[in-house]
Amino acid sequence: MGAHATQPVELLDQLRDLPGVLGAFVVSNEGALLAQALPPEHAGRASTAAQRLPLLVDALAQGHKVQSFSLRFAEHRLYLQSLEGAFLAVLTELTCDTILLKMTLNIAGRRLACLVQP
């Protein structure tokens, strides 16, 4: 990742420099959309997704504390990573390098935790 971002949207934008990453957004544990950097064709759906994602994460976790999830759709993957009081959602193409993405998300998650206060 390039220069240190000082705003959540800047950091989310930097994630799109990774090959295969289409965009990202941050959602509070209550379902509020806190920040987003998505292409226009997906940006309009972010608020609706944000409201539903906490329920989905709770259902998938089944009462356990989970750091991350990966959901596969027909043409995309959605990676969810826990933050303090929120989580980071990253939309990727199926061809995205998973190992590189996970390493990048660990760094981005630490930076976002300092920038985003839900």
N, C-alpha and C. Protein backbone atom coordinates (compact mmCIF):
# COMPACT_ATOMS: atom_id res chain seq x y z
N MET A 1 0.85 -1.16 0.00
CA MET A 1 0.00 0.00 0.00
C MET A 1 0.89 1.22 0.00
N GLY A 2 0.44 2.25 -0.68
CA GLY A 2 1.25 3.44 -0.86
C GLY A 2 1.37 4.27 0.40
N ALA A 3 1.35 5.59 0.22
CA ALA A 3 1.48 6.52 1.34
C ALA A 3 0.37 6.28 2.35
N HIS A 4 0.66 6.62 3.60
CA HIS A 4 -0.34 6.42 4.66
C HIS A 4 -1.54 7.32 4.42
N ALA A 5 -2.71 6.71 4.43
CA ALA A 5 -3.95 7.45 4.26
C ALA A 5 -4.31 8.13 5.57
N THR A 6 -4.91 9.30 5.46
CA THR A 6 -5.33 10.01 6.66
C THR A 6 -6.84 9.99 6.83
N GLN A 7 -7.57 9.51 5.84
CA GLN A 7 -9.01 9.39 5.88
C GLN A 7 -9.40 7.96 5.47
N PRO A 8 -10.49 7.43 6.04
CA PRO A 8 -10.90 6.07 5.67
C PRO A 8 -11.10 5.87 4.18
N VAL A 9 -11.71 6.85 3.50
CA VAL A 9 -11.96 6.69 2.07
C VAL A 9 -10.65 6.60 1.29
N GLU A 10 -9.64 7.35 1.71
CA GLU A 10 -8.32 7.27 1.05
C GLU A 10 -7.74 5.87 1.17
N LEU A 11 -7.85 5.30 2.36
CA LEU A 11 -7.33 3.95 2.58
C LEU A 11 -8.11 2.93 1.75
N LEU A 12 -9.42 3.06 1.72
CA LEU A 12 -10.24 2.15 0.92
C LEU A 12 -9.90 2.28 -0.55
N ASP A 13 -9.65 3.50 -1.01
CA ASP A 13 -9.24 3.73 -2.40
C ASP A 13 -7.92 3.03 -2.70
N GLN A 14 -6.99 3.07 -1.76
CA GLN A 14 -5.70 2.42 -1.96
C GLN A 14 -5.84 0.91 -2.11
N LEU A 15 -6.85 0.32 -1.48
CA LEU A 15 -7.06 -1.12 -1.64
C LEU A 15 -7.35 -1.48 -3.09
N ARG A 16 -7.96 -0.55 -3.82
CA ARG A 16 -8.29 -0.82 -5.23
C ARG A 16 -7.05 -0.89 -6.11
N ASP A 17 -5.89 -0.50 -5.58
CA ASP A 17 -4.64 -0.65 -6.33
C ASP A 17 -4.22 -2.12 -6.42
N LEU A 18 -4.76 -2.94 -5.57
CA LEU A 18 -4.45 -4.38 -5.57
C LEU A 18 -5.17 -5.03 -6.75
N PRO A 19 -4.47 -5.80 -7.58
CA PRO A 19 -5.13 -6.44 -8.73
C PRO A 19 -6.32 -7.29 -8.29
N GLY A 20 -7.45 -7.07 -8.93
CA GLY A 20 -8.65 -7.85 -8.65
C GLY A 20 -9.57 -7.25 -7.61
N VAL A 21 -9.13 -6.20 -6.90
CA VAL A 21 -10.00 -5.55 -5.91
C VAL A 21 -10.84 -4.50 -6.62
N LEU A 22 -12.15 -4.64 -6.51
CA LEU A 22 -13.08 -3.71 -7.15
C LEU A 22 -13.41 -2.52 -6.27
N GLY A 23 -13.45 -2.74 -4.96
CA GLY A 23 -13.77 -1.66 -4.05
C GLY A 23 -13.93 -2.19 -2.64
N ALA A 24 -14.19 -1.27 -1.71
CA ALA A 24 -14.30 -1.66 -0.31
C ALA A 24 -15.20 -0.67 0.42
N PHE A 25 -15.71 -1.13 1.56
CA PHE A 25 -16.51 -0.27 2.41
C PHE A 25 -16.38 -0.73 3.85
N VAL A 26 -16.71 0.17 4.78
CA VAL A 26 -16.64 -0.13 6.21
C VAL A 26 -18.05 0.01 6.77
N VAL A 27 -18.45 -0.99 7.56
CA VAL A 27 -19.79 -1.06 8.14
C VAL A 27 -19.66 -1.18 9.65
N SER A 28 -20.47 -0.40 10.38
CA SER A 28 -20.47 -0.54 11.83
C SER A 28 -21.16 -1.85 12.20
N ASN A 29 -20.94 -2.30 13.42
CA ASN A 29 -21.60 -3.53 13.89
C ASN A 29 -23.12 -3.38 13.93
N GLU A 30 -23.60 -2.14 13.88
CA GLU A 30 -25.05 -1.88 13.87
C GLU A 30 -25.61 -1.77 12.46
N GLY A 31 -24.75 -1.83 11.44
CA GLY A 31 -25.21 -1.80 10.06
C GLY A 31 -25.17 -0.45 9.39
N ALA A 32 -24.48 0.52 9.98
CA ALA A 32 -24.34 1.84 9.36
C ALA A 32 -23.14 1.83 8.41
N LEU A 33 -23.32 2.39 7.23
CA LEU A 33 -22.23 2.53 6.27
C LEU A 33 -21.36 3.69 6.72
N LEU A 34 -20.10 3.40 7.11
CA LEU A 34 -19.21 4.42 7.64
C LEU A 34 -18.33 5.06 6.58
N ALA A 35 -17.94 4.30 5.57
CA ALA A 35 -17.09 4.81 4.49
C ALA A 35 -17.16 3.83 3.33
N GLN A 36 -16.97 4.34 2.12
CA GLN A 36 -16.96 3.45 0.96
C GLN A 36 -16.10 4.00 -0.16
N ALA A 37 -15.55 3.09 -0.93
CA ALA A 37 -14.83 3.40 -2.16
C ALA A 37 -15.16 2.26 -3.12
N LEU A 38 -16.30 2.39 -3.78
CA LEU A 38 -16.80 1.37 -4.69
C LEU A 38 -17.03 1.97 -6.06
N PRO A 39 -16.93 1.14 -7.11
CA PRO A 39 -17.25 1.65 -8.45
C PRO A 39 -18.74 1.99 -8.53
N PRO A 40 -19.11 2.89 -9.42
CA PRO A 40 -20.50 3.36 -9.49
C PRO A 40 -21.54 2.24 -9.59
N GLU A 41 -21.23 1.17 -10.29
CA GLU A 41 -22.21 0.10 -10.45
C GLU A 41 -22.50 -0.66 -9.15
N HIS A 42 -21.65 -0.51 -8.14
CA HIS A 42 -21.86 -1.18 -6.85
C HIS A 42 -22.14 -0.20 -5.72
N ALA A 43 -21.78 1.06 -5.89
CA ALA A 43 -21.89 2.04 -4.81
C ALA A 43 -23.32 2.23 -4.32
N GLY A 44 -24.27 2.17 -5.22
CA GLY A 44 -25.66 2.37 -4.85
C GLY A 44 -26.22 1.28 -3.94
N ARG A 45 -25.60 0.12 -3.94
CA ARG A 45 -26.08 -1.00 -3.13
C ARG A 45 -25.39 -1.08 -1.77
N ALA A 46 -24.42 -0.24 -1.52
CA ALA A 46 -23.62 -0.35 -0.30
C ALA A 46 -24.45 -0.14 0.96
N SER A 47 -25.34 0.84 0.96
CA SER A 47 -26.15 1.10 2.16
C SER A 47 -27.06 -0.08 2.48
N THR A 48 -27.67 -0.66 1.47
CA THR A 48 -28.53 -1.83 1.68
C THR A 48 -27.72 -3.00 2.19
N ALA A 49 -26.56 -3.23 1.58
CA ALA A 49 -25.70 -4.32 2.03
C ALA A 49 -25.23 -4.09 3.46
N ALA A 50 -24.90 -2.85 3.78
CA ALA A 50 -24.41 -2.52 5.12
C ALA A 50 -25.44 -2.89 6.18
N GLN A 51 -26.70 -2.66 5.91
CA GLN A 51 -27.75 -2.98 6.86
C GLN A 51 -27.88 -4.47 7.09
N ARG A 52 -27.59 -5.26 6.08
CA ARG A 52 -27.78 -6.71 6.16
C ARG A 52 -26.53 -7.47 6.62
N LEU A 53 -25.36 -6.91 6.39
CA LEU A 53 -24.13 -7.64 6.68
C LEU A 53 -23.94 -8.00 8.16
N PRO A 54 -24.26 -7.13 9.12
CA PRO A 54 -24.10 -7.55 10.52
C PRO A 54 -24.94 -8.78 10.88
N LEU A 55 -26.14 -8.86 10.33
CA LEU A 55 -26.99 -10.03 10.58
C LEU A 55 -26.38 -11.29 9.98
N LEU A 56 -25.84 -11.15 8.78
CA LEU A 56 -25.19 -12.28 8.11
C LEU A 56 -23.95 -12.73 8.88
N VAL A 57 -23.14 -11.78 9.32
CA VAL A 57 -21.94 -12.12 10.08
C VAL A 57 -22.31 -12.83 11.38
N ASP A 58 -23.32 -12.33 12.09
CA ASP A 58 -23.77 -13.00 13.32
C ASP A 58 -24.24 -14.42 13.04
N ALA A 59 -24.98 -14.61 11.96
CA ALA A 59 -25.48 -15.94 11.63
C ALA A 59 -24.33 -16.89 11.28
N LEU A 60 -23.36 -16.41 10.54
CA LEU A 60 -22.23 -17.26 10.15
C LEU A 60 -21.31 -17.57 11.33
N ALA A 61 -21.16 -16.63 12.23
CA ALA A 61 -20.27 -16.82 13.38
C ALA A 61 -20.85 -17.80 14.39
N GLN A 62 -22.15 -17.93 14.44
CA GLN A 62 -22.83 -18.84 15.36
C GLN A 62 -22.34 -18.70 16.79
N GLY A 63 -22.23 -17.45 17.24
CA GLY A 63 -21.83 -17.20 18.62
C GLY A 63 -20.34 -17.18 18.89
N HIS A 64 -19.52 -17.46 17.90
CA HIS A 64 -18.06 -17.44 18.06
C HIS A 64 -17.50 -16.11 17.57
N LYS A 65 -16.36 -15.73 18.13
CA LYS A 65 -15.67 -14.52 17.64
C LYS A 65 -14.87 -14.94 16.42
N VAL A 66 -15.16 -14.30 15.30
CA VAL A 66 -14.51 -14.64 14.04
C VAL A 66 -13.84 -13.39 13.49
N GLN A 67 -12.62 -13.53 13.01
CA GLN A 67 -11.87 -12.39 12.48
C GLN A 67 -12.24 -12.06 11.04
N SER A 68 -12.56 -13.10 10.24
CA SER A 68 -12.83 -12.82 8.83
C SER A 68 -13.71 -13.90 8.22
N PHE A 69 -14.37 -13.50 7.12
CA PHE A 69 -15.20 -14.40 6.32
C PHE A 69 -14.90 -14.11 4.86
N SER A 70 -15.17 -15.09 4.02
CA SER A 70 -15.10 -14.91 2.58
C SER A 70 -16.38 -15.49 2.00
N LEU A 71 -17.11 -14.67 1.25
CA LEU A 71 -18.35 -15.11 0.62
C LEU A 71 -18.15 -15.08 -0.89
N ARG A 72 -18.47 -16.19 -1.54
CA ARG A 72 -18.30 -16.25 -2.98
C ARG A 72 -19.66 -16.13 -3.66
N PHE A 73 -19.68 -15.28 -4.68
CA PHE A 73 -20.86 -15.11 -5.51
C PHE A 73 -20.50 -15.58 -6.92
N ALA A 74 -21.40 -15.47 -7.85
CA ALA A 74 -21.17 -15.97 -9.22
C ALA A 74 -19.90 -15.39 -9.82
N GLU A 75 -19.72 -14.06 -9.73
CA GLU A 75 -18.58 -13.42 -10.38
C GLU A 75 -17.63 -12.70 -9.42
N HIS A 76 -17.98 -12.67 -8.14
CA HIS A 76 -17.20 -11.89 -7.18
C HIS A 76 -17.04 -12.63 -5.86
N ARG A 77 -16.14 -12.11 -5.04
CA ARG A 77 -16.02 -12.52 -3.64
C ARG A 77 -16.16 -11.29 -2.77
N LEU A 78 -16.69 -11.49 -1.59
CA LEU A 78 -16.77 -10.43 -0.61
C LEU A 78 -16.02 -10.90 0.62
N TYR A 79 -14.93 -10.21 0.93
CA TYR A 79 -14.14 -10.53 2.11
C TYR A 79 -14.56 -9.59 3.23
N LEU A 80 -14.82 -10.16 4.39
CA LEU A 80 -15.22 -9.37 5.56
C LEU A 80 -14.18 -9.57 6.64
N GLN A 81 -13.66 -8.49 7.18
CA GLN A 81 -12.67 -8.57 8.25
C GLN A 81 -13.14 -7.73 9.42
N SER A 82 -13.08 -8.31 10.62
CA SER A 82 -13.52 -7.61 11.83
C SER A 82 -12.58 -6.47 12.17
N LEU A 83 -13.18 -5.36 12.59
CA LEU A 83 -12.47 -4.23 13.16
C LEU A 83 -13.10 -3.99 14.53
N GLU A 84 -12.56 -3.10 15.30
CA GLU A 84 -13.16 -2.75 16.59
C GLU A 84 -14.45 -1.97 16.36
N GLY A 85 -15.60 -2.59 16.63
CA GLY A 85 -16.89 -1.93 16.47
C GLY A 85 -17.40 -1.85 15.04
N ALA A 86 -16.71 -2.48 14.11
CA ALA A 86 -17.08 -2.39 12.70
C ALA A 86 -16.43 -3.56 11.95
N PHE A 87 -16.65 -3.58 10.66
CA PHE A 87 -15.88 -4.51 9.84
C PHE A 87 -15.65 -3.93 8.46
N LEU A 88 -14.59 -4.41 7.85
CA LEU A 88 -14.17 -4.01 6.53
C LEU A 88 -14.69 -5.03 5.53
N ALA A 89 -15.34 -4.56 4.48
CA ALA A 89 -15.85 -5.43 3.41
C ALA A 89 -15.12 -5.06 2.12
N VAL A 90 -14.55 -6.07 1.46
CA VAL A 90 -13.79 -5.84 0.23
C VAL A 90 -14.38 -6.71 -0.87
N LEU A 91 -14.80 -6.07 -1.95
CA LEU A 91 -15.37 -6.76 -3.10
C LEU A 91 -14.27 -7.02 -4.11
N THR A 92 -14.11 -8.28 -4.53
CA THR A 92 -13.04 -8.63 -5.46
C THR A 92 -13.57 -9.47 -6.62
N GLU A 93 -12.76 -9.53 -7.65
CA GLU A 93 -12.98 -10.49 -8.72
C GLU A 93 -12.54 -11.85 -8.20
N LEU A 94 -12.99 -12.92 -8.82
CA LEU A 94 -12.61 -14.26 -8.38
C LEU A 94 -11.13 -14.53 -8.56
N THR A 95 -10.49 -13.79 -9.46
CA THR A 95 -9.06 -14.00 -9.75
C THR A 95 -8.13 -13.29 -8.79
N CYS A 96 -8.65 -12.54 -7.84
CA CYS A 96 -7.82 -11.80 -6.89
C CYS A 96 -6.94 -12.75 -6.09
N ASP A 97 -5.69 -12.39 -5.91
CA ASP A 97 -4.73 -13.18 -5.14
C ASP A 97 -5.12 -13.15 -3.65
N THR A 98 -5.64 -14.25 -3.16
CA THR A 98 -6.17 -14.33 -1.80
C THR A 98 -5.09 -14.09 -0.75
N ILE A 99 -3.92 -14.64 -0.93
CA ILE A 99 -2.85 -14.49 0.06
C ILE A 99 -2.41 -13.03 0.16
N LEU A 100 -2.21 -12.40 -0.99
CA LEU A 100 -1.82 -10.99 -1.00
C LEU A 100 -2.92 -10.12 -0.40
N LEU A 101 -4.17 -10.44 -0.72
CA LEU A 101 -5.29 -9.68 -0.17
C LEU A 101 -5.34 -9.80 1.35
N LYS A 102 -5.19 -10.98 1.88
CA LYS A 102 -5.25 -11.17 3.33
C LYS A 102 -4.13 -10.42 4.03
N MET A 103 -2.93 -10.44 3.47
CA MET A 103 -1.83 -9.69 4.07
C MET A 103 -2.14 -8.19 4.05
N THR A 104 -2.66 -7.71 2.93
CA THR A 104 -2.99 -6.30 2.80
C THR A 104 -4.11 -5.91 3.75
N LEU A 105 -5.10 -6.79 3.92
CA LEU A 105 -6.22 -6.49 4.82
C LEU A 105 -5.78 -6.43 6.28
N ASN A 106 -4.78 -7.21 6.64
CA ASN A 106 -4.26 -7.11 8.01
C ASN A 106 -3.70 -5.71 8.28
N ILE A 107 -2.95 -5.19 7.33
CA ILE A 107 -2.39 -3.84 7.47
C ILE A 107 -3.50 -2.80 7.41
N ALA A 108 -4.37 -2.93 6.41
CA ALA A 108 -5.46 -1.96 6.25
C ALA A 108 -6.38 -1.97 7.46
N GLY A 109 -6.65 -3.13 8.02
CA GLY A 109 -7.51 -3.23 9.19
C GLY A 109 -6.95 -2.48 10.38
N ARG A 110 -5.65 -2.59 10.60
CA ARG A 110 -5.02 -1.86 11.71
C ARG A 110 -5.11 -0.35 11.48
N ARG A 111 -4.86 0.08 10.25
CA ARG A 111 -4.95 1.51 9.95
C ARG A 111 -6.38 2.02 10.05
N LEU A 112 -7.33 1.24 9.54
CA LEU A 112 -8.73 1.66 9.60
C LEU A 112 -9.24 1.74 11.02
N ALA A 113 -8.80 0.83 11.86
CA ALA A 113 -9.23 0.85 13.26
C ALA A 113 -8.87 2.18 13.92
N CYS A 114 -7.76 2.78 13.49
CA CYS A 114 -7.35 4.08 14.03
C CYS A 114 -8.13 5.23 13.40
N LEU A 115 -8.61 5.05 12.17
CA LEU A 115 -9.27 6.13 11.44
C LEU A 115 -10.78 6.15 11.61
N VAL A 116 -11.37 4.97 11.82
CA VAL A 116 -12.84 4.87 11.86
C VAL A 116 -13.30 4.70 13.28
N GLN A 117 -14.14 5.59 13.70
CA GLN A 117 -14.74 5.49 15.04
C GLN A 117 -16.25 5.39 14.84
N PRO A 118 -16.81 4.17 14.88
CA PRO A 118 -18.25 4.03 14.64
C PRO A 118 -19.07 4.74 15.70
